[in-house]
Amino acid sequence: MTFERTTLIEYPCDFPIKVMGVNDVGLQQAVLETVTRHAPDFDPATTQVRASAKGNYLSLTCTFRAHSQTQVDTLYRELTSHPLVKVVL
């Protein structure tokens, strides 16, 4: 039996990914390096960064040009495996 995943997303498309994690100097660098590795045309200067009310957490929204579901899935897996990352949406 073969399972085929269906998606409503048409590739290529601009794809925003939001990463939330511990407010640590290494978080932003790790996220930007990871996104750039999977989407070489990603411009880190377009990243939106917000701190939580108490400053303990950061959220980074990176919009990149996604070319396939595999690319997006691989990026999600790598980001969620980082120790400073708490949530990826």
PDB file of N, CA and C in Angstrom:
ATOM      1  N   MET A   1       0.849  -1.183   0.000  1.00  0.00           N
ATOM      2  CA  MET A   1       0.000   0.000   0.000  1.00  0.00           C
ATOM      3  C   MET A   1       0.886   1.236   0.000  1.00  0.00           C
ATOM      4  N   THR A   2       0.617   2.143  -0.895  1.00  0.00           N
ATOM      5  CA  THR A   2       1.392   3.372  -1.002  1.00  0.00           C
ATOM      6  C   THR A   2       0.570   4.526  -0.472  1.00  0.00           C
ATOM      7  N   PHE A   3       1.185   5.308   0.373  1.00  0.00           N
ATOM      8  CA  PHE A   3       0.518   6.489   0.921  1.00  0.00           C
ATOM      9  C   PHE A   3       1.041   7.695   0.166  1.00  0.00           C
ATOM     10  N   GLU A   4       0.149   8.427  -0.466  1.00  0.00           N
ATOM     11  CA  GLU A   4       0.545   9.628  -1.175  1.00  0.00           C
ATOM     12  C   GLU A   4      -0.032  10.829  -0.446  1.00  0.00           C
ATOM     13  N   ARG A   5       0.840  11.714  -0.082  1.00  0.00           N
ATOM     14  CA  ARG A   5       0.435  12.903   0.647  1.00  0.00           C
ATOM     15  C   ARG A   5      -0.098  13.953  -0.331  1.00  0.00           C
ATOM     16  N   THR A   6      -1.256  14.500  -0.030  1.00  0.00           N
ATOM     17  CA  THR A   6      -1.792  15.558  -0.874  1.00  0.00           C
ATOM     18  C   THR A   6      -1.654  16.889  -0.153  1.00  0.00           C
ATOM     19  N   THR A   7      -1.510  17.940  -0.920  1.00  0.00           N
ATOM     20  CA  THR A   7      -1.346  19.260  -0.337  1.00  0.00           C
ATOM     21  C   THR A   7      -2.117  20.273  -1.161  1.00  0.00           C
ATOM     22  N   LEU A   8      -2.548  21.333  -0.520  1.00  0.00           N
ATOM     23  CA  LEU A   8      -3.243  22.413  -1.210  1.00  0.00           C
ATOM     24  C   LEU A   8      -2.266  23.481  -1.686  1.00  0.00           C
ATOM     25  N   ILE A   9      -1.021  23.343  -1.316  1.00  0.00           N
ATOM     26  CA  ILE A   9      -0.003  24.329  -1.672  1.00  0.00           C
ATOM     27  C   ILE A   9       0.514  24.039  -3.081  1.00  0.00           C
ATOM     28  N   GLU A  10       0.601  25.087  -3.867  1.00  0.00           N
ATOM     29  CA  GLU A  10       1.182  24.955  -5.202  1.00  0.00           C
ATOM     30  C   GLU A  10       2.598  25.511  -5.161  1.00  0.00           C
ATOM     31  N   TYR A  11       3.541  24.692  -5.556  1.00  0.00           N
ATOM     32  CA  TYR A  11       4.951  25.091  -5.543  1.00  0.00           C
ATOM     33  C   TYR A  11       5.381  25.493  -6.933  1.00  0.00           C
ATOM     34  N   PRO A  12       6.327  26.422  -7.032  1.00  0.00           N
ATOM     35  CA  PRO A  12       6.977  27.183  -5.958  1.00  0.00           C
ATOM     36  C   PRO A  12       6.051  28.277  -5.410  1.00  0.00           C
ATOM     37  N   CYS A  13       6.313  28.658  -4.151  1.00  0.00           N
ATOM     38  CA  CYS A  13       5.531  29.712  -3.509  1.00  0.00           C
ATOM     39  C   CYS A  13       6.351  30.340  -2.389  1.00  0.00           C
ATOM     40  N   ASP A  14       5.951  31.531  -1.992  1.00  0.00           N
ATOM     41  CA  ASP A  14       6.571  32.162  -0.824  1.00  0.00           C
ATOM     42  C   ASP A  14       5.946  31.519   0.405  1.00  0.00           C
ATOM     43  N   PHE A  15       6.796  31.038   1.308  1.00  0.00           N
ATOM     44  CA  PHE A  15       6.323  30.246   2.440  1.00  0.00           C
ATOM     45  C   PHE A  15       6.859  30.849   3.738  1.00  0.00           C
ATOM     46  N   PRO A  16       5.972  31.372   4.597  1.00  0.00           N
ATOM     47  CA  PRO A  16       6.429  31.889   5.894  1.00  0.00           C
ATOM     48  C   PRO A  16       6.538  30.756   6.912  1.00  0.00           C
ATOM     49  N   ILE A  17       7.613  30.749   7.635  1.00  0.00           N
ATOM     50  CA  ILE A  17       7.798  29.760   8.700  1.00  0.00           C
ATOM     51  C   ILE A  17       8.115  30.540   9.972  1.00  0.00           C
ATOM     52  N   LYS A  18       7.409  30.229  11.064  1.00  0.00           N
ATOM     53  CA  LYS A  18       7.616  30.932  12.334  1.00  0.00           C
ATOM     54  C   LYS A  18       8.287  29.980  13.312  1.00  0.00           C
ATOM     55  N   VAL A  19       9.373  30.461  13.892  1.00  0.00           N
ATOM     56  CA  VAL A  19      10.141  29.666  14.838  1.00  0.00           C
ATOM     57  C   VAL A  19      10.143  30.402  16.174  1.00  0.00           C
ATOM     58  N   MET A  20       9.757  29.704  17.241  1.00  0.00           N
ATOM     59  CA  MET A  20       9.771  30.303  18.570  1.00  0.00           C
ATOM     60  C   MET A  20      10.715  29.501  19.452  1.00  0.00           C
ATOM     61  N   GLY A  21      11.501  30.239  20.219  1.00  0.00           N
ATOM     62  CA  GLY A  21      12.453  29.559  21.079  1.00  0.00           C
ATOM     63  C   GLY A  21      13.006  30.457  22.156  1.00  0.00           C
ATOM     64  N   VAL A  22      13.941  29.917  22.899  1.00  0.00           N
ATOM     65  CA  VAL A  22      14.592  30.615  23.997  1.00  0.00           C
ATOM     66  C   VAL A  22      15.349  31.824  23.456  1.00  0.00           C
ATOM     67  N   ASN A  23      15.216  32.959  24.134  1.00  0.00           N
ATOM     68  CA  ASN A  23      15.920  34.177  23.733  1.00  0.00           C
ATOM     69  C   ASN A  23      17.394  34.032  24.094  1.00  0.00           C
ATOM     70  N   ASP A  24      18.143  33.480  23.161  1.00  0.00           N
ATOM     71  CA  ASP A  24      19.565  33.208  23.333  1.00  0.00           C
ATOM     72  C   ASP A  24      20.276  33.701  22.079  1.00  0.00           C
ATOM     73  N   VAL A  25      21.499  34.171  22.238  1.00  0.00           N
ATOM     74  CA  VAL A  25      22.228  34.714  21.084  1.00  0.00           C
ATOM     75  C   VAL A  25      22.336  33.702  19.946  1.00  0.00           C
ATOM     76  N   GLY A  26      22.371  32.437  20.266  1.00  0.00           N
ATOM     77  CA  GLY A  26      22.530  31.417  19.243  1.00  0.00           C
ATOM     78  C   GLY A  26      21.276  31.078  18.467  1.00  0.00           C
ATOM     79  N   LEU A  27      20.092  31.422  18.997  1.00  0.00           N
ATOM     80  CA  LEU A  27      18.845  31.052  18.334  1.00  0.00           C
ATOM     81  C   LEU A  27      18.708  31.689  16.958  1.00  0.00           C
ATOM     82  N   GLN A  28      18.836  33.006  16.896  1.00  0.00           N
ATOM     83  CA  GLN A  28      18.644  33.692  15.621  1.00  0.00           C
ATOM     84  C   GLN A  28      19.665  33.217  14.590  1.00  0.00           C
ATOM     85  N   GLN A  29      20.894  33.090  14.983  1.00  0.00           N
ATOM     86  CA  GLN A  29      21.933  32.638  14.058  1.00  0.00           C
ATOM     87  C   GLN A  29      21.639  31.222  13.562  1.00  0.00           C
ATOM     88  N   ALA A  30      21.262  30.336  14.453  1.00  0.00           N
ATOM     89  CA  ALA A  30      20.975  28.948  14.069  1.00  0.00           C
ATOM     90  C   ALA A  30      19.794  28.871  13.107  1.00  0.00           C
ATOM     91  N   VAL A  31      18.743  29.637  13.379  1.00  0.00           N
ATOM     92  CA  VAL A  31      17.557  29.619  12.512  1.00  0.00           C
ATOM     93  C   VAL A  31      17.905  30.145  11.127  1.00  0.00           C
ATOM     94  N   LEU A  32      18.598  31.276  11.073  1.00  0.00           N
ATOM     95  CA  LEU A  32      18.933  31.872   9.777  1.00  0.00           C
ATOM     96  C   LEU A  32      19.867  30.967   8.969  1.00  0.00           C
ATOM     97  N   GLU A  33      20.826  30.346   9.629  1.00  0.00           N
ATOM     98  CA  GLU A  33      21.726  29.420   8.927  1.00  0.00           C
ATOM     99  C   GLU A  33      20.957  28.212   8.389  1.00  0.00           C
ATOM    100  N   THR A  34      20.043  27.694   9.178  1.00  0.00           N
ATOM    101  CA  THR A  34      19.265  26.521   8.766  1.00  0.00           C
ATOM    102  C   THR A  34      18.356  26.847   7.584  1.00  0.00           C
ATOM    103  N   VAL A  35      17.640  27.958   7.669  1.00  0.00           N
ATOM    104  CA  VAL A  35      16.750  28.341   6.570  1.00  0.00           C
ATOM    105  C   VAL A  35      17.568  28.588   5.304  1.00  0.00           C
ATOM    106  N   THR A  36      18.682  29.287   5.415  1.00  0.00           N
ATOM    107  CA  THR A  36      19.525  29.571   4.247  1.00  0.00           C
ATOM    108  C   THR A  36      20.084  28.291   3.633  1.00  0.00           C
ATOM    109  N   ARG A  37      20.399  27.317   4.454  1.00  0.00           N
ATOM    110  CA  ARG A  37      20.921  26.045   3.943  1.00  0.00           C
ATOM    111  C   ARG A  37      19.867  25.324   3.086  1.00  0.00           C
ATOM    112  N   HIS A  38      18.618  25.416   3.491  1.00  0.00           N
ATOM    113  CA  HIS A  38      17.545  24.730   2.777  1.00  0.00           C
ATOM    114  C   HIS A  38      16.915  25.589   1.676  1.00  0.00           C
ATOM    115  N   ALA A  39      17.101  26.901   1.769  1.00  0.00           N
ATOM    116  CA  ALA A  39      16.561  27.839   0.764  1.00  0.00           C
ATOM    117  C   ALA A  39      17.638  28.889   0.481  1.00  0.00           C
ATOM    118  N   PRO A  40      18.606  28.544  -0.375  1.00  0.00           N
ATOM    119  CA  PRO A  40      19.764  29.421  -0.609  1.00  0.00           C
ATOM    120  C   PRO A  40      19.416  30.839  -1.064  1.00  0.00           C
ATOM    121  N   ASP A  41      18.235  31.040  -1.645  1.00  0.00           N
ATOM    122  CA  ASP A  41      17.873  32.387  -2.087  1.00  0.00           C
ATOM    123  C   ASP A  41      17.165  33.195  -0.988  1.00  0.00           C
ATOM    124  N   PHE A  42      17.031  32.632   0.207  1.00  0.00           N
ATOM    125  CA  PHE A  42      16.423  33.323   1.346  1.00  0.00           C
ATOM    126  C   PHE A  42      17.276  34.526   1.741  1.00  0.00           C
ATOM    127  N   ASP A  43      16.620  35.664   1.981  1.00  0.00           N
ATOM    128  CA  ASP A  43      17.305  36.882   2.416  1.00  0.00           C
ATOM    129  C   ASP A  43      17.087  37.059   3.914  1.00  0.00           C
ATOM    130  N   PRO A  44      18.106  36.822   4.739  1.00  0.00           N
ATOM    131  CA  PRO A  44      17.958  36.942   6.195  1.00  0.00           C
ATOM    132  C   PRO A  44      17.497  38.323   6.658  1.00  0.00           C
ATOM    133  N   ALA A  45      17.746  39.352   5.853  1.00  0.00           N
ATOM    134  CA  ALA A  45      17.341  40.713   6.233  1.00  0.00           C
ATOM    135  C   ALA A  45      15.822  40.868   6.277  1.00  0.00           C
ATOM    136  N   THR A  46      15.086  39.957   5.665  1.00  0.00           N
ATOM    137  CA  THR A  46      13.622  40.041   5.655  1.00  0.00           C
ATOM    138  C   THR A  46      12.989  39.381   6.876  1.00  0.00           C
ATOM    139  N   THR A  47      13.791  38.810   7.742  1.00  0.00           N
ATOM    140  CA  THR A  47      13.278  38.100   8.926  1.00  0.00           C
ATOM    141  C   THR A  47      12.641  39.076   9.906  1.00  0.00           C
ATOM    142  N   GLN A  48      11.460  38.717  10.386  1.00  0.00           N
ATOM    143  CA  GLN A  48      10.782  39.502  11.411  1.00  0.00           C
ATOM    144  C   GLN A  48      11.081  38.853  12.759  1.00  0.00           C
ATOM    145  N   VAL A  49      11.596  39.652  13.698  1.00  0.00           N
ATOM    146  CA  VAL A  49      11.977  39.137  15.016  1.00  0.00           C
ATOM    147  C   VAL A  49      11.181  39.885  16.080  1.00  0.00           C
ATOM    148  N   ARG A  50      10.583  39.117  16.999  1.00  0.00           N
ATOM    149  CA  ARG A  50       9.836  39.704  18.109  1.00  0.00           C
ATOM    150  C   ARG A  50      10.204  38.987  19.395  1.00  0.00           C
ATOM    151  N   ALA A  51      10.364  39.762  20.445  1.00  0.00           N
ATOM    152  CA  ALA A  51      10.622  39.193  21.768  1.00  0.00           C
ATOM    153  C   ALA A  51       9.298  39.065  22.509  1.00  0.00           C
ATOM    154  N   SER A  52       9.228  38.090  23.410  1.00  0.00           N
ATOM    155  CA  SER A  52       8.033  37.929  24.245  1.00  0.00           C
ATOM    156  C   SER A  52       7.947  39.094  25.227  1.00  0.00           C
ATOM    157  N   ALA A  53       6.819  39.222  25.883  1.00  0.00           N
ATOM    158  CA  ALA A  53       6.594  40.334  26.811  1.00  0.00           C
ATOM    159  C   ALA A  53       7.678  40.434  27.883  1.00  0.00           C
ATOM    160  N   LYS A  54       8.099  39.298  28.406  1.00  0.00           N
ATOM    161  CA  LYS A  54       9.135  39.307  29.452  1.00  0.00           C
ATOM    162  C   LYS A  54      10.537  39.151  28.880  1.00  0.00           C
ATOM    163  N   GLY A  55      10.634  38.975  27.561  1.00  0.00           N
ATOM    164  CA  GLY A  55      11.937  38.867  26.926  1.00  0.00           C
ATOM    165  C   GLY A  55      12.603  37.512  27.045  1.00  0.00           C
ATOM    166  N   ASN A  56      11.882  36.509  27.523  1.00  0.00           N
ATOM    167  CA  ASN A  56      12.476  35.182  27.681  1.00  0.00           C
ATOM    168  C   ASN A  56      12.516  34.382  26.377  1.00  0.00           C
ATOM    169  N   TYR A  57      11.635  34.734  25.436  1.00  0.00           N
ATOM    170  CA  TYR A  57      11.518  33.987  24.187  1.00  0.00           C
ATOM    171  C   TYR A  57      11.566  34.932  22.992  1.00  0.00           C
ATOM    172  N   LEU A  58      11.951  34.381  21.863  1.00  0.00           N
ATOM    173  CA  LEU A  58      11.949  35.116  20.596  1.00  0.00           C
ATOM    174  C   LEU A  58      11.099  34.365  19.597  1.00  0.00           C
ATOM    175  N   SER A  59      10.467  35.115  18.701  1.00  0.00           N
ATOM    176  CA  SER A  59       9.836  34.471  17.546  1.00  0.00           C
ATOM    177  C   SER A  59      10.474  35.083  16.308  1.00  0.00           C
ATOM    178  N   LEU A  60      10.794  34.234  15.367  1.00  0.00           N
ATOM    179  CA  LEU A  60      11.379  34.662  14.104  1.00  0.00           C
ATOM    180  C   LEU A  60      10.484  34.162  12.984  1.00  0.00           C
ATOM    181  N   THR A  61      10.081  35.060  12.113  1.00  0.00           N
ATOM    182  CA  THR A  61       9.296  34.670  10.944  1.00  0.00           C
ATOM    183  C   THR A  61      10.182  34.859   9.720  1.00  0.00           C
ATOM    184  N   CYS A  62      10.437  33.748   9.044  1.00  0.00           N
ATOM    185  CA  CYS A  62      11.282  33.737   7.857  1.00  0.00           C
ATOM    186  C   CYS A  62      10.418  33.330   6.670  1.00  0.00           C
ATOM    187  N   THR A  63      10.345  34.184   5.665  1.00  0.00           N
ATOM    188  CA  THR A  63       9.597  33.854   4.458  1.00  0.00           C
ATOM    189  C   THR A  63      10.601  33.510   3.365  1.00  0.00           C
ATOM    190  N   PHE A  64      10.472  32.315   2.830  1.00  0.00           N
ATOM    191  CA  PHE A  64      11.412  31.849   1.810  1.00  0.00           C
ATOM    192  C   PHE A  64      10.644  31.304   0.624  1.00  0.00           C
ATOM    193  N   ARG A  65      11.323  31.115  -0.480  1.00  0.00           N
ATOM    194  CA  ARG A  65      10.718  30.552  -1.683  1.00  0.00           C
ATOM    195  C   ARG A  65      10.783  29.040  -1.577  1.00  0.00           C
ATOM    196  N   ALA A  66       9.636  28.410  -1.346  1.00  0.00           N
ATOM    197  CA  ALA A  66       9.572  26.955  -1.217  1.00  0.00           C
ATOM    198  C   ALA A  66       9.345  26.347  -2.592  1.00  0.00           C
ATOM    199  N   HIS A  67      10.084  25.287  -2.877  1.00  0.00           N
ATOM    200  CA  HIS A  67       9.996  24.632  -4.177  1.00  0.00           C
ATOM    201  C   HIS A  67       9.343  23.259  -4.113  1.00  0.00           C
ATOM    202  N   SER A  68       9.208  22.692  -2.908  1.00  0.00           N
ATOM    203  CA  SER A  68       8.582  21.376  -2.790  1.00  0.00           C
ATOM    204  C   SER A  68       8.182  21.111  -1.346  1.00  0.00           C
ATOM    205  N   GLN A  69       7.269  20.162  -1.174  1.00  0.00           N
ATOM    206  CA  GLN A  69       6.861  19.749   0.162  1.00  0.00           C
ATOM    207  C   GLN A  69       8.024  19.094   0.895  1.00  0.00           C
ATOM    208  N   THR A  70       8.845  18.384   0.157  1.00  0.00           N
ATOM    209  CA  THR A  70      10.018  17.738   0.759  1.00  0.00           C
ATOM    210  C   THR A  70      10.956  18.777   1.356  1.00  0.00           C
ATOM    211  N   GLN A  71      11.177  19.865   0.655  1.00  0.00           N
ATOM    212  CA  GLN A  71      12.034  20.938   1.158  1.00  0.00           C
ATOM    213  C   GLN A  71      11.480  21.507   2.461  1.00  0.00           C
ATOM    214  N   VAL A  72      10.186  21.771   2.493  1.00  0.00           N
ATOM    215  CA  VAL A  72       9.550  22.335   3.684  1.00  0.00           C
ATOM    216  C   VAL A  72       9.612  21.346   4.846  1.00  0.00           C
ATOM    217  N   ASP A  73       9.304  20.089   4.590  1.00  0.00           N
ATOM    218  CA  ASP A  73       9.337  19.063   5.639  1.00  0.00           C
ATOM    219  C   ASP A  73      10.730  18.904   6.224  1.00  0.00           C
ATOM    220  N   THR A  74      11.732  18.900   5.366  1.00  0.00           N
ATOM    221  CA  THR A  74      13.120  18.744   5.826  1.00  0.00           C
ATOM    222  C   THR A  74      13.527  19.929   6.688  1.00  0.00           C
ATOM    223  N   LEU A  75      13.143  21.124   6.284  1.00  0.00           N
ATOM    224  CA  LEU A  75      13.447  22.326   7.064  1.00  0.00           C
ATOM    225  C   LEU A  75      12.764  22.267   8.425  1.00  0.00           C
ATOM    226  N   TYR A  76      11.486  21.906   8.470  1.00  0.00           N
ATOM    227  CA  TYR A  76      10.763  21.768   9.743  1.00  0.00           C
ATOM    228  C   TYR A  76      11.469  20.770  10.667  1.00  0.00           C
ATOM    229  N   ARG A  77      11.842  19.629  10.127  1.00  0.00           N
ATOM    230  CA  ARG A  77      12.501  18.606  10.958  1.00  0.00           C
ATOM    231  C   ARG A  77      13.804  19.121  11.556  1.00  0.00           C
ATOM    232  N   GLU A  78      14.600  19.804  10.749  1.00  0.00           N
ATOM    233  CA  GLU A  78      15.870  20.298  11.269  1.00  0.00           C
ATOM    234  C   GLU A  78      15.661  21.394  12.310  1.00  0.00           C
ATOM    235  N   LEU A  79      14.736  22.299  12.060  1.00  0.00           N
ATOM    236  CA  LEU A  79      14.488  23.369  13.030  1.00  0.00           C
ATOM    237  C   LEU A  79      13.950  22.819  14.348  1.00  0.00           C
ATOM    238  N   THR A  80      13.013  21.887  14.291  1.00  0.00           N
ATOM    239  CA  THR A  80      12.433  21.350  15.535  1.00  0.00           C
ATOM    240  C   THR A  80      13.423  20.522  16.337  1.00  0.00           C
ATOM    241  N   SER A  81      14.480  20.064  15.708  1.00  0.00           N
ATOM    242  CA  SER A  81      15.472  19.265  16.438  1.00  0.00           C
ATOM    243  C   SER A  81      16.501  20.128  17.167  1.00  0.00           C
ATOM    244  N   HIS A  82      16.492  21.445  16.933  1.00  0.00           N
ATOM    245  CA  HIS A  82      17.477  22.319  17.593  1.00  0.00           C
ATOM    246  C   HIS A  82      17.075  22.515  19.062  1.00  0.00           C
ATOM    247  N   PRO A  83      18.035  22.437  19.986  1.00  0.00           N
ATOM    248  CA  PRO A  83      17.709  22.510  21.415  1.00  0.00           C
ATOM    249  C   PRO A  83      17.121  23.845  21.873  1.00  0.00           C
ATOM    250  N   LEU A  84      17.381  24.951  21.179  1.00  0.00           N
ATOM    251  CA  LEU A  84      16.834  26.242  21.589  1.00  0.00           C
ATOM    252  C   LEU A  84      15.433  26.488  21.037  1.00  0.00           C
ATOM    253  N   VAL A  85      15.010  25.697  20.071  1.00  0.00           N
ATOM    254  CA  VAL A  85      13.708  25.885  19.438  1.00  0.00           C
ATOM    255  C   VAL A  85      12.630  25.139  20.230  1.00  0.00           C
ATOM    256  N   LYS A  86      11.546  25.849  20.490  1.00  0.00           N
ATOM    257  CA  LYS A  86      10.412  25.252  21.216  1.00  0.00           C
ATOM    258  C   LYS A  86       9.262  24.883  20.283  1.00  0.00           C
ATOM    259  N   VAL A  87       8.964  25.741  19.281  1.00  0.00           N
ATOM    260  CA  VAL A  87       7.829  25.532  18.392  1.00  0.00           C
ATOM    261  C   VAL A  87       8.190  26.030  16.996  1.00  0.00           C
ATOM    262  N   VAL A  88       7.732  25.289  15.980  1.00  0.00           N
ATOM    263  CA  VAL A  88       7.859  25.734  14.599  1.00  0.00           C
ATOM    264  C   VAL A  88       6.478  25.650  13.974  1.00  0.00           C
ATOM    265  N   LEU A  89       6.019  26.763  13.419  1.00  0.00           N
ATOM    266  CA  LEU A  89       4.696  26.830  12.783  1.00  0.00           C
ATOM    267  C   LEU A  89       4.853  27.198  11.320  1.00  0.00           C
TER     268      LEU A  89
END
